């Protein structure tokens, strides 16, 4: 069974906009919409997700 996890920081999010991540095995990570979990998920390599997370932490996607 796949265990999906949501960020601890999303708990105070009033509009419910959040994504969930799951380790899918063989170095892959699934990402899905937490509001509509019945939709298909996206699959990325662990390296790609780590690079995205680093850019988010650096503020590269801040408006």
PDB file of N, CA and C in Angstrom:
ATOM      1  N   UNK A   1       0.842  -1.185   0.000  1.00  0.00           N
ATOM      2  CA  UNK A   1       0.000   0.000   0.000  1.00  0.00           C
ATOM      3  C   UNK A   1       0.885   1.246   0.000  1.00  0.00           C
ATOM      4  N   UNK A   2       0.508   2.219  -0.791  1.00  0.00           N
ATOM      5  CA  UNK A   2       1.252   3.473  -0.888  1.00  0.00           C
ATOM      6  C   UNK A   2       0.787   4.423   0.206  1.00  0.00           C
ATOM      7  N   UNK A   3       1.760   5.020   0.907  1.00  0.00           N
ATOM      8  CA  UNK A   3       1.453   5.995   1.942  1.00  0.00           C
ATOM      9  C   UNK A   3       1.731   7.390   1.400  1.00  0.00           C
ATOM     10  N   UNK A   4       0.694   8.206   1.299  1.00  0.00           N
ATOM     11  CA  UNK A   4       0.814   9.582   0.822  1.00  0.00           C
ATOM     12  C   UNK A   4       0.997  10.506   2.008  1.00  0.00           C
ATOM     13  N   UNK A   5       1.887  11.484   1.862  1.00  0.00           N
ATOM     14  CA  UNK A   5       2.177  12.434   2.939  1.00  0.00           C
ATOM     15  C   UNK A   5       1.994  13.859   2.452  1.00  0.00           C
ATOM     16  N   UNK A   6       1.464  14.679   3.353  1.00  0.00           N
ATOM     17  CA  UNK A   6       1.265  16.094   3.074  1.00  0.00           C
ATOM     18  C   UNK A   6       2.198  16.883   3.991  1.00  0.00           C
ATOM     19  N   UNK A   7       2.648  18.026   3.543  1.00  0.00           N
ATOM     20  CA  UNK A   7       3.529  18.862   4.341  1.00  0.00           C
ATOM     21  C   UNK A   7       2.869  19.259   5.656  1.00  0.00           C
ATOM     22  N   UNK A   8       3.653  19.286   6.725  1.00  0.00           N
ATOM     23  CA  UNK A   8       3.145  19.768   8.020  1.00  0.00           C
ATOM     24  C   UNK A   8       2.722  21.223   7.914  1.00  0.00           C
ATOM     25  N   UNK A   9       3.348  21.976   7.047  1.00  0.00           N
ATOM     26  CA  UNK A   9       3.027  23.400   6.898  1.00  0.00           C
ATOM     27  C   UNK A   9       1.672  23.622   6.244  1.00  0.00           C
ATOM     28  N   UNK A  10       1.105  22.621   5.641  1.00  0.00           N
ATOM     29  CA  UNK A  10      -0.170  22.795   4.951  1.00  0.00           C
ATOM     30  C   UNK A  10      -1.356  22.736   5.903  1.00  0.00           C
ATOM     31  N   UNK A  11      -1.157  22.375   7.144  1.00  0.00           N
ATOM     32  CA  UNK A  11      -2.276  22.207   8.070  1.00  0.00           C
ATOM     33  C   UNK A  11      -3.036  23.504   8.325  1.00  0.00           C
ATOM     34  N   UNK A  12      -2.381  24.653   8.208  1.00  0.00           N
ATOM     35  CA  UNK A  12      -3.060  25.920   8.424  1.00  0.00           C
ATOM     36  C   UNK A  12      -3.563  26.555   7.154  1.00  0.00           C
ATOM     37  N   UNK A  13      -3.495  25.863   6.059  1.00  0.00           N
ATOM     38  CA  UNK A  13      -3.887  26.388   4.764  1.00  0.00           C
ATOM     39  C   UNK A  13      -5.409  26.434   4.661  1.00  0.00           C
ATOM     40  N   UNK A  14      -5.986  27.634   4.621  1.00  0.00           N
ATOM     41  CA  UNK A  14      -7.436  27.794   4.613  1.00  0.00           C
ATOM     42  C   UNK A  14      -8.108  27.302   3.341  1.00  0.00           C
ATOM     43  N   UNK A  15      -7.443  27.425   2.207  1.00  0.00           N
ATOM     44  CA  UNK A  15      -8.106  27.032   0.955  1.00  0.00           C
ATOM     45  C   UNK A  15      -7.851  25.581   0.582  1.00  0.00           C
ATOM     46  N   UNK A  16      -7.083  24.856   1.365  1.00  0.00           N
ATOM     47  CA  UNK A  16      -6.878  23.439   1.130  1.00  0.00           C
ATOM     48  C   UNK A  16      -5.968  23.108  -0.018  1.00  0.00           C
ATOM     49  N   UNK A  17      -5.324  24.100  -0.630  1.00  0.00           N
ATOM     50  CA  UNK A  17      -4.432  23.836  -1.748  1.00  0.00           C
ATOM     51  C   UNK A  17      -3.151  23.180  -1.259  1.00  0.00           C
ATOM     52  N   UNK A  18      -2.964  21.945  -1.631  1.00  0.00           N
ATOM     53  CA  UNK A  18      -1.767  21.238  -1.204  1.00  0.00           C
ATOM     54  C   UNK A  18      -1.533  20.047  -2.123  1.00  0.00           C
ATOM     55  N   UNK A  19      -0.321  19.579  -2.117  1.00  0.00           N
ATOM     56  CA  UNK A  19       0.015  18.355  -2.819  1.00  0.00           C
ATOM     57  C   UNK A  19       0.470  17.328  -1.799  1.00  0.00           C
ATOM     58  N   UNK A  20       0.384  16.064  -2.180  1.00  0.00           N
ATOM     59  CA  UNK A  20       0.857  14.968  -1.355  1.00  0.00           C
ATOM     60  C   UNK A  20       1.931  14.225  -2.132  1.00  0.00           C
ATOM     61  N   UNK A  21       2.912  13.700  -1.407  1.00  0.00           N
ATOM     62  CA  UNK A  21       3.989  12.943  -2.017  1.00  0.00           C
ATOM     63  C   UNK A  21       4.019  11.533  -1.440  1.00  0.00           C
ATOM     64  N   UNK A  22       4.475  10.588  -2.251  1.00  0.00           N
ATOM     65  CA  UNK A  22       4.627   9.203  -1.807  1.00  0.00           C
ATOM     66  C   UNK A  22       5.848   8.598  -2.476  1.00  0.00           C
ATOM     67  N   UNK A  23       6.574   7.795  -1.731  1.00  0.00           N
ATOM     68  CA  UNK A  23       7.671   7.018  -2.305  1.00  0.00           C
ATOM     69  C   UNK A  23       7.041   5.831  -3.018  1.00  0.00           C
ATOM     70  N   UNK A  24       7.345   5.689  -4.306  1.00  0.00           N
ATOM     71  CA  UNK A  24       6.736   4.630  -5.100  1.00  0.00           C
ATOM     72  C   UNK A  24       7.691   3.475  -5.363  1.00  0.00           C
ATOM     73  N   UNK A  25       8.928   3.616  -4.945  1.00  0.00           N
ATOM     74  CA  UNK A  25       9.897   2.554  -5.153  1.00  0.00           C
ATOM     75  C   UNK A  25      10.796   2.831  -6.330  1.00  0.00           C
ATOM     76  N   UNK A  26      11.925   2.145  -6.346  1.00  0.00           N
ATOM     77  CA  UNK A  26      12.910   2.254  -7.429  1.00  0.00           C
ATOM     78  C   UNK A  26      13.292   3.699  -7.740  1.00  0.00           C
ATOM     79  N   UNK A  27      13.391   4.515  -6.698  1.00  0.00           N
ATOM     80  CA  UNK A  27      13.844   5.890  -6.879  1.00  0.00           C
ATOM     81  C   UNK A  27      12.821   6.825  -7.468  1.00  0.00           C
ATOM     82  N   UNK A  28      11.546   6.494  -7.351  1.00  0.00           N
ATOM     83  CA  UNK A  28      10.506   7.364  -7.895  1.00  0.00           C
ATOM     84  C   UNK A  28       9.605   7.894  -6.786  1.00  0.00           C
ATOM     85  N   UNK A  29       9.056   9.079  -7.045  1.00  0.00           N
ATOM     86  CA  UNK A  29       8.169   9.753  -6.111  1.00  0.00           C
ATOM     87  C   UNK A  29       6.898  10.121  -6.855  1.00  0.00           C
ATOM     88  N   UNK A  30       5.758   9.880  -6.225  1.00  0.00           N
ATOM     89  CA  UNK A  30       4.481  10.286  -6.784  1.00  0.00           C
ATOM     90  C   UNK A  30       4.040  11.600  -6.156  1.00  0.00           C
ATOM     91  N   UNK A  31       3.402  12.441  -6.955  1.00  0.00           N
ATOM     92  CA  UNK A  31       2.863  13.710  -6.472  1.00  0.00           C
ATOM     93  C   UNK A  31       1.416  13.794  -6.956  1.00  0.00           C
ATOM     94  N   UNK A  32       0.510  14.121  -6.012  1.00  0.00           N
ATOM     95  CA  UNK A  32      -0.904  14.216  -6.376  1.00  0.00           C
ATOM     96  C   UNK A  32      -1.568  15.395  -5.676  1.00  0.00           C
ATOM     97  N   UNK A  33      -2.728  15.763  -6.153  1.00  0.00           N
ATOM     98  CA  UNK A  33      -3.545  16.839  -5.577  1.00  0.00           C
ATOM     99  C   UNK A  33      -4.246  16.289  -4.348  1.00  0.00           C
ATOM    100  N   UNK A  34      -4.044  16.926  -3.197  1.00  0.00           N
ATOM    101  CA  UNK A  34      -4.649  16.429  -1.965  1.00  0.00           C
ATOM    102  C   UNK A  34      -6.159  16.635  -1.918  1.00  0.00           C
ATOM    103  N   UNK A  35      -6.684  17.541  -2.733  1.00  0.00           N
ATOM    104  CA  UNK A  35      -8.128  17.786  -2.741  1.00  0.00           C
ATOM    105  C   UNK A  35      -8.879  16.802  -3.621  1.00  0.00           C
ATOM    106  N   UNK A  36      -8.187  16.177  -4.568  1.00  0.00           N
ATOM    107  CA  UNK A  36      -8.842  15.234  -5.467  1.00  0.00           C
ATOM    108  C   UNK A  36      -7.930  14.033  -5.674  1.00  0.00           C
ATOM    109  N   UNK A  37      -7.885  13.189  -4.675  1.00  0.00           N
ATOM    110  CA  UNK A  37      -6.955  12.055  -4.689  1.00  0.00           C
ATOM    111  C   UNK A  37      -7.345  10.963  -5.683  1.00  0.00           C
ATOM    112  N   UNK A  38      -8.540  11.049  -6.248  1.00  0.00           N
ATOM    113  CA  UNK A  38      -8.960  10.058  -7.233  1.00  0.00           C
ATOM    114  C   UNK A  38      -8.313  10.299  -8.599  1.00  0.00           C
ATOM    115  N   UNK A  39      -7.821  11.519  -8.821  1.00  0.00           N
ATOM    116  CA  UNK A  39      -7.145  11.814 -10.085  1.00  0.00           C
ATOM    117  C   UNK A  39      -5.809  11.073 -10.146  1.00  0.00           C
ATOM    118  N   UNK A  40      -5.284  10.832 -11.337  1.00  0.00           N
ATOM    119  CA  UNK A  40      -3.966  10.198 -11.446  1.00  0.00           C
ATOM    120  C   UNK A  40      -2.876  11.076 -10.826  1.00  0.00           C
ATOM    121  N   UNK A  41      -1.802  10.449 -10.407  1.00  0.00           N
ATOM    122  CA  UNK A  41      -0.674  11.187  -9.850  1.00  0.00           C
ATOM    123  C   UNK A  41       0.427  11.333 -10.899  1.00  0.00           C
ATOM    124  N   UNK A  42       1.316  12.279 -10.660  1.00  0.00           N
ATOM    125  CA  UNK A  42       2.500  12.459 -11.498  1.00  0.00           C
ATOM    126  C   UNK A  42       3.644  11.676 -10.861  1.00  0.00           C
ATOM    127  N   UNK A  43       4.567  11.182 -11.664  1.00  0.00           N
ATOM    128  CA  UNK A  43       5.699  10.413 -11.166  1.00  0.00           C
ATOM    129  C   UNK A  43       6.994  11.070 -11.621  1.00  0.00           C
ATOM    130  N   UNK A  44       7.909  11.267 -10.665  1.00  0.00           N
ATOM    131  CA  UNK A  44       9.204  11.884 -10.932  1.00  0.00           C
ATOM    132  C   UNK A  44      10.299  11.092 -10.243  1.00  0.00           C
ATOM    133  N   UNK A  45      11.524  11.279 -10.695  1.00  0.00           N
ATOM    134  CA  UNK A  45      12.658  10.671 -10.002  1.00  0.00           C
ATOM    135  C   UNK A  45      12.886  11.417  -8.690  1.00  0.00           C
ATOM    136  N   UNK A  46      13.524  10.744  -7.741  1.00  0.00           N
ATOM    137  CA  UNK A  46      13.823  11.384  -6.458  1.00  0.00           C
ATOM    138  C   UNK A  46      14.709  12.605  -6.667  1.00  0.00           C
ATOM    139  N   UNK A  47      15.638  12.522  -7.612  1.00  0.00           N
ATOM    140  CA  UNK A  47      16.531  13.646  -7.900  1.00  0.00           C
ATOM    141  C   UNK A  47      15.781  14.866  -8.410  1.00  0.00           C
ATOM    142  N   UNK A  48      14.804  14.644  -9.259  1.00  0.00           N
ATOM    143  CA  UNK A  48      14.006  15.746  -9.789  1.00  0.00           C
ATOM    144  C   UNK A  48      13.202  16.418  -8.680  1.00  0.00           C
ATOM    145  N   UNK A  49      12.611  15.626  -7.806  1.00  0.00           N
ATOM    146  CA  UNK A  49      11.835  16.184  -6.694  1.00  0.00           C
ATOM    147  C   UNK A  49      12.748  16.938  -5.734  1.00  0.00           C
ATOM    148  N   UNK A  50      13.932  16.395  -5.476  1.00  0.00           N
ATOM    149  CA  UNK A  50      14.889  17.070  -4.589  1.00  0.00           C
ATOM    150  C   UNK A  50      15.329  18.407  -5.186  1.00  0.00           C
ATOM    151  N   UNK A  51      15.569  18.450  -6.494  1.00  0.00           N
ATOM    152  CA  UNK A  51      15.973  19.694  -7.151  1.00  0.00           C
ATOM    153  C   UNK A  51      14.840  20.720  -7.097  1.00  0.00           C
ATOM    154  N   UNK A  52      13.605  20.277  -7.310  1.00  0.00           N
ATOM    155  CA  UNK A  52      12.456  21.175  -7.213  1.00  0.00           C
ATOM    156  C   UNK A  52      12.324  21.726  -5.794  1.00  0.00           C
ATOM    157  N   UNK A  53      12.430  20.868  -4.795  1.00  0.00           N
ATOM    158  CA  UNK A  53      12.315  21.309  -3.403  1.00  0.00           C
ATOM    159  C   UNK A  53      13.404  22.327  -3.060  1.00  0.00           C
ATOM    160  N   UNK A  54      14.603  22.111  -3.556  1.00  0.00           N
ATOM    161  CA  UNK A  54      15.692  23.057  -3.294  1.00  0.00           C
ATOM    162  C   UNK A  54      15.382  24.421  -3.903  1.00  0.00           C
ATOM    163  N   UNK A  55      14.853  24.436  -5.117  1.00  0.00           N
ATOM    164  CA  UNK A  55      14.513  25.706  -5.764  1.00  0.00           C
ATOM    165  C   UNK A  55      13.376  26.415  -5.031  1.00  0.00           C
ATOM    166  N   UNK A  56      12.429  25.645  -4.528  1.00  0.00           N
ATOM    167  CA  UNK A  56      11.332  26.244  -3.756  1.00  0.00           C
ATOM    168  C   UNK A  56      11.884  26.862  -2.480  1.00  0.00           C
ATOM    169  N   UNK A  57      12.756  26.133  -1.768  1.00  0.00           N
ATOM    170  CA  UNK A  57      13.348  26.661  -0.537  1.00  0.00           C
ATOM    171  C   UNK A  57      14.171  27.915  -0.801  1.00  0.00           C
ATOM    172  N   UNK A  58      14.817  27.979  -1.957  1.00  0.00           N
ATOM    173  CA  UNK A  58      15.632  29.156  -2.322  1.00  0.00           C
ATOM    174  C   UNK A  58      14.764  30.345  -2.732  1.00  0.00           C
ATOM    175  N   UNK A  59      13.472  30.125  -2.909  1.00  0.00           N
ATOM    176  CA  UNK A  59      12.575  31.221  -3.290  1.00  0.00           C
ATOM    177  C   UNK A  59      12.531  31.497  -4.773  1.00  0.00           C
ATOM    178  N   UNK A  60      12.991  30.566  -5.595  1.00  0.00           N
ATOM    179  CA  UNK A  60      13.027  30.800  -7.035  1.00  0.00           C
ATOM    180  C   UNK A  60      11.636  30.886  -7.658  1.00  0.00           C
ATOM    181  N   UNK A  61      10.614  30.392  -6.962  1.00  0.00           N
ATOM    182  CA  UNK A  61       9.260  30.423  -7.516  1.00  0.00           C
ATOM    183  C   UNK A  61       8.365  31.399  -6.771  1.00  0.00           C
ATOM    184  N   UNK A  62       8.923  32.198  -5.878  1.00  0.00           N
ATOM    185  CA  UNK A  62       8.133  33.187  -5.147  1.00  0.00           C
ATOM    186  C   UNK A  62       7.703  34.289  -6.099  1.00  0.00           C
ATOM    187  N   UNK A  63       6.549  34.805  -5.864  1.00  0.00           N
ATOM    188  CA  UNK A  63       6.041  35.906  -6.694  1.00  0.00           C
ATOM    189  C   UNK A  63       6.426  37.211  -6.106  1.00  0.00           C
TER     190      UNK A  63
END
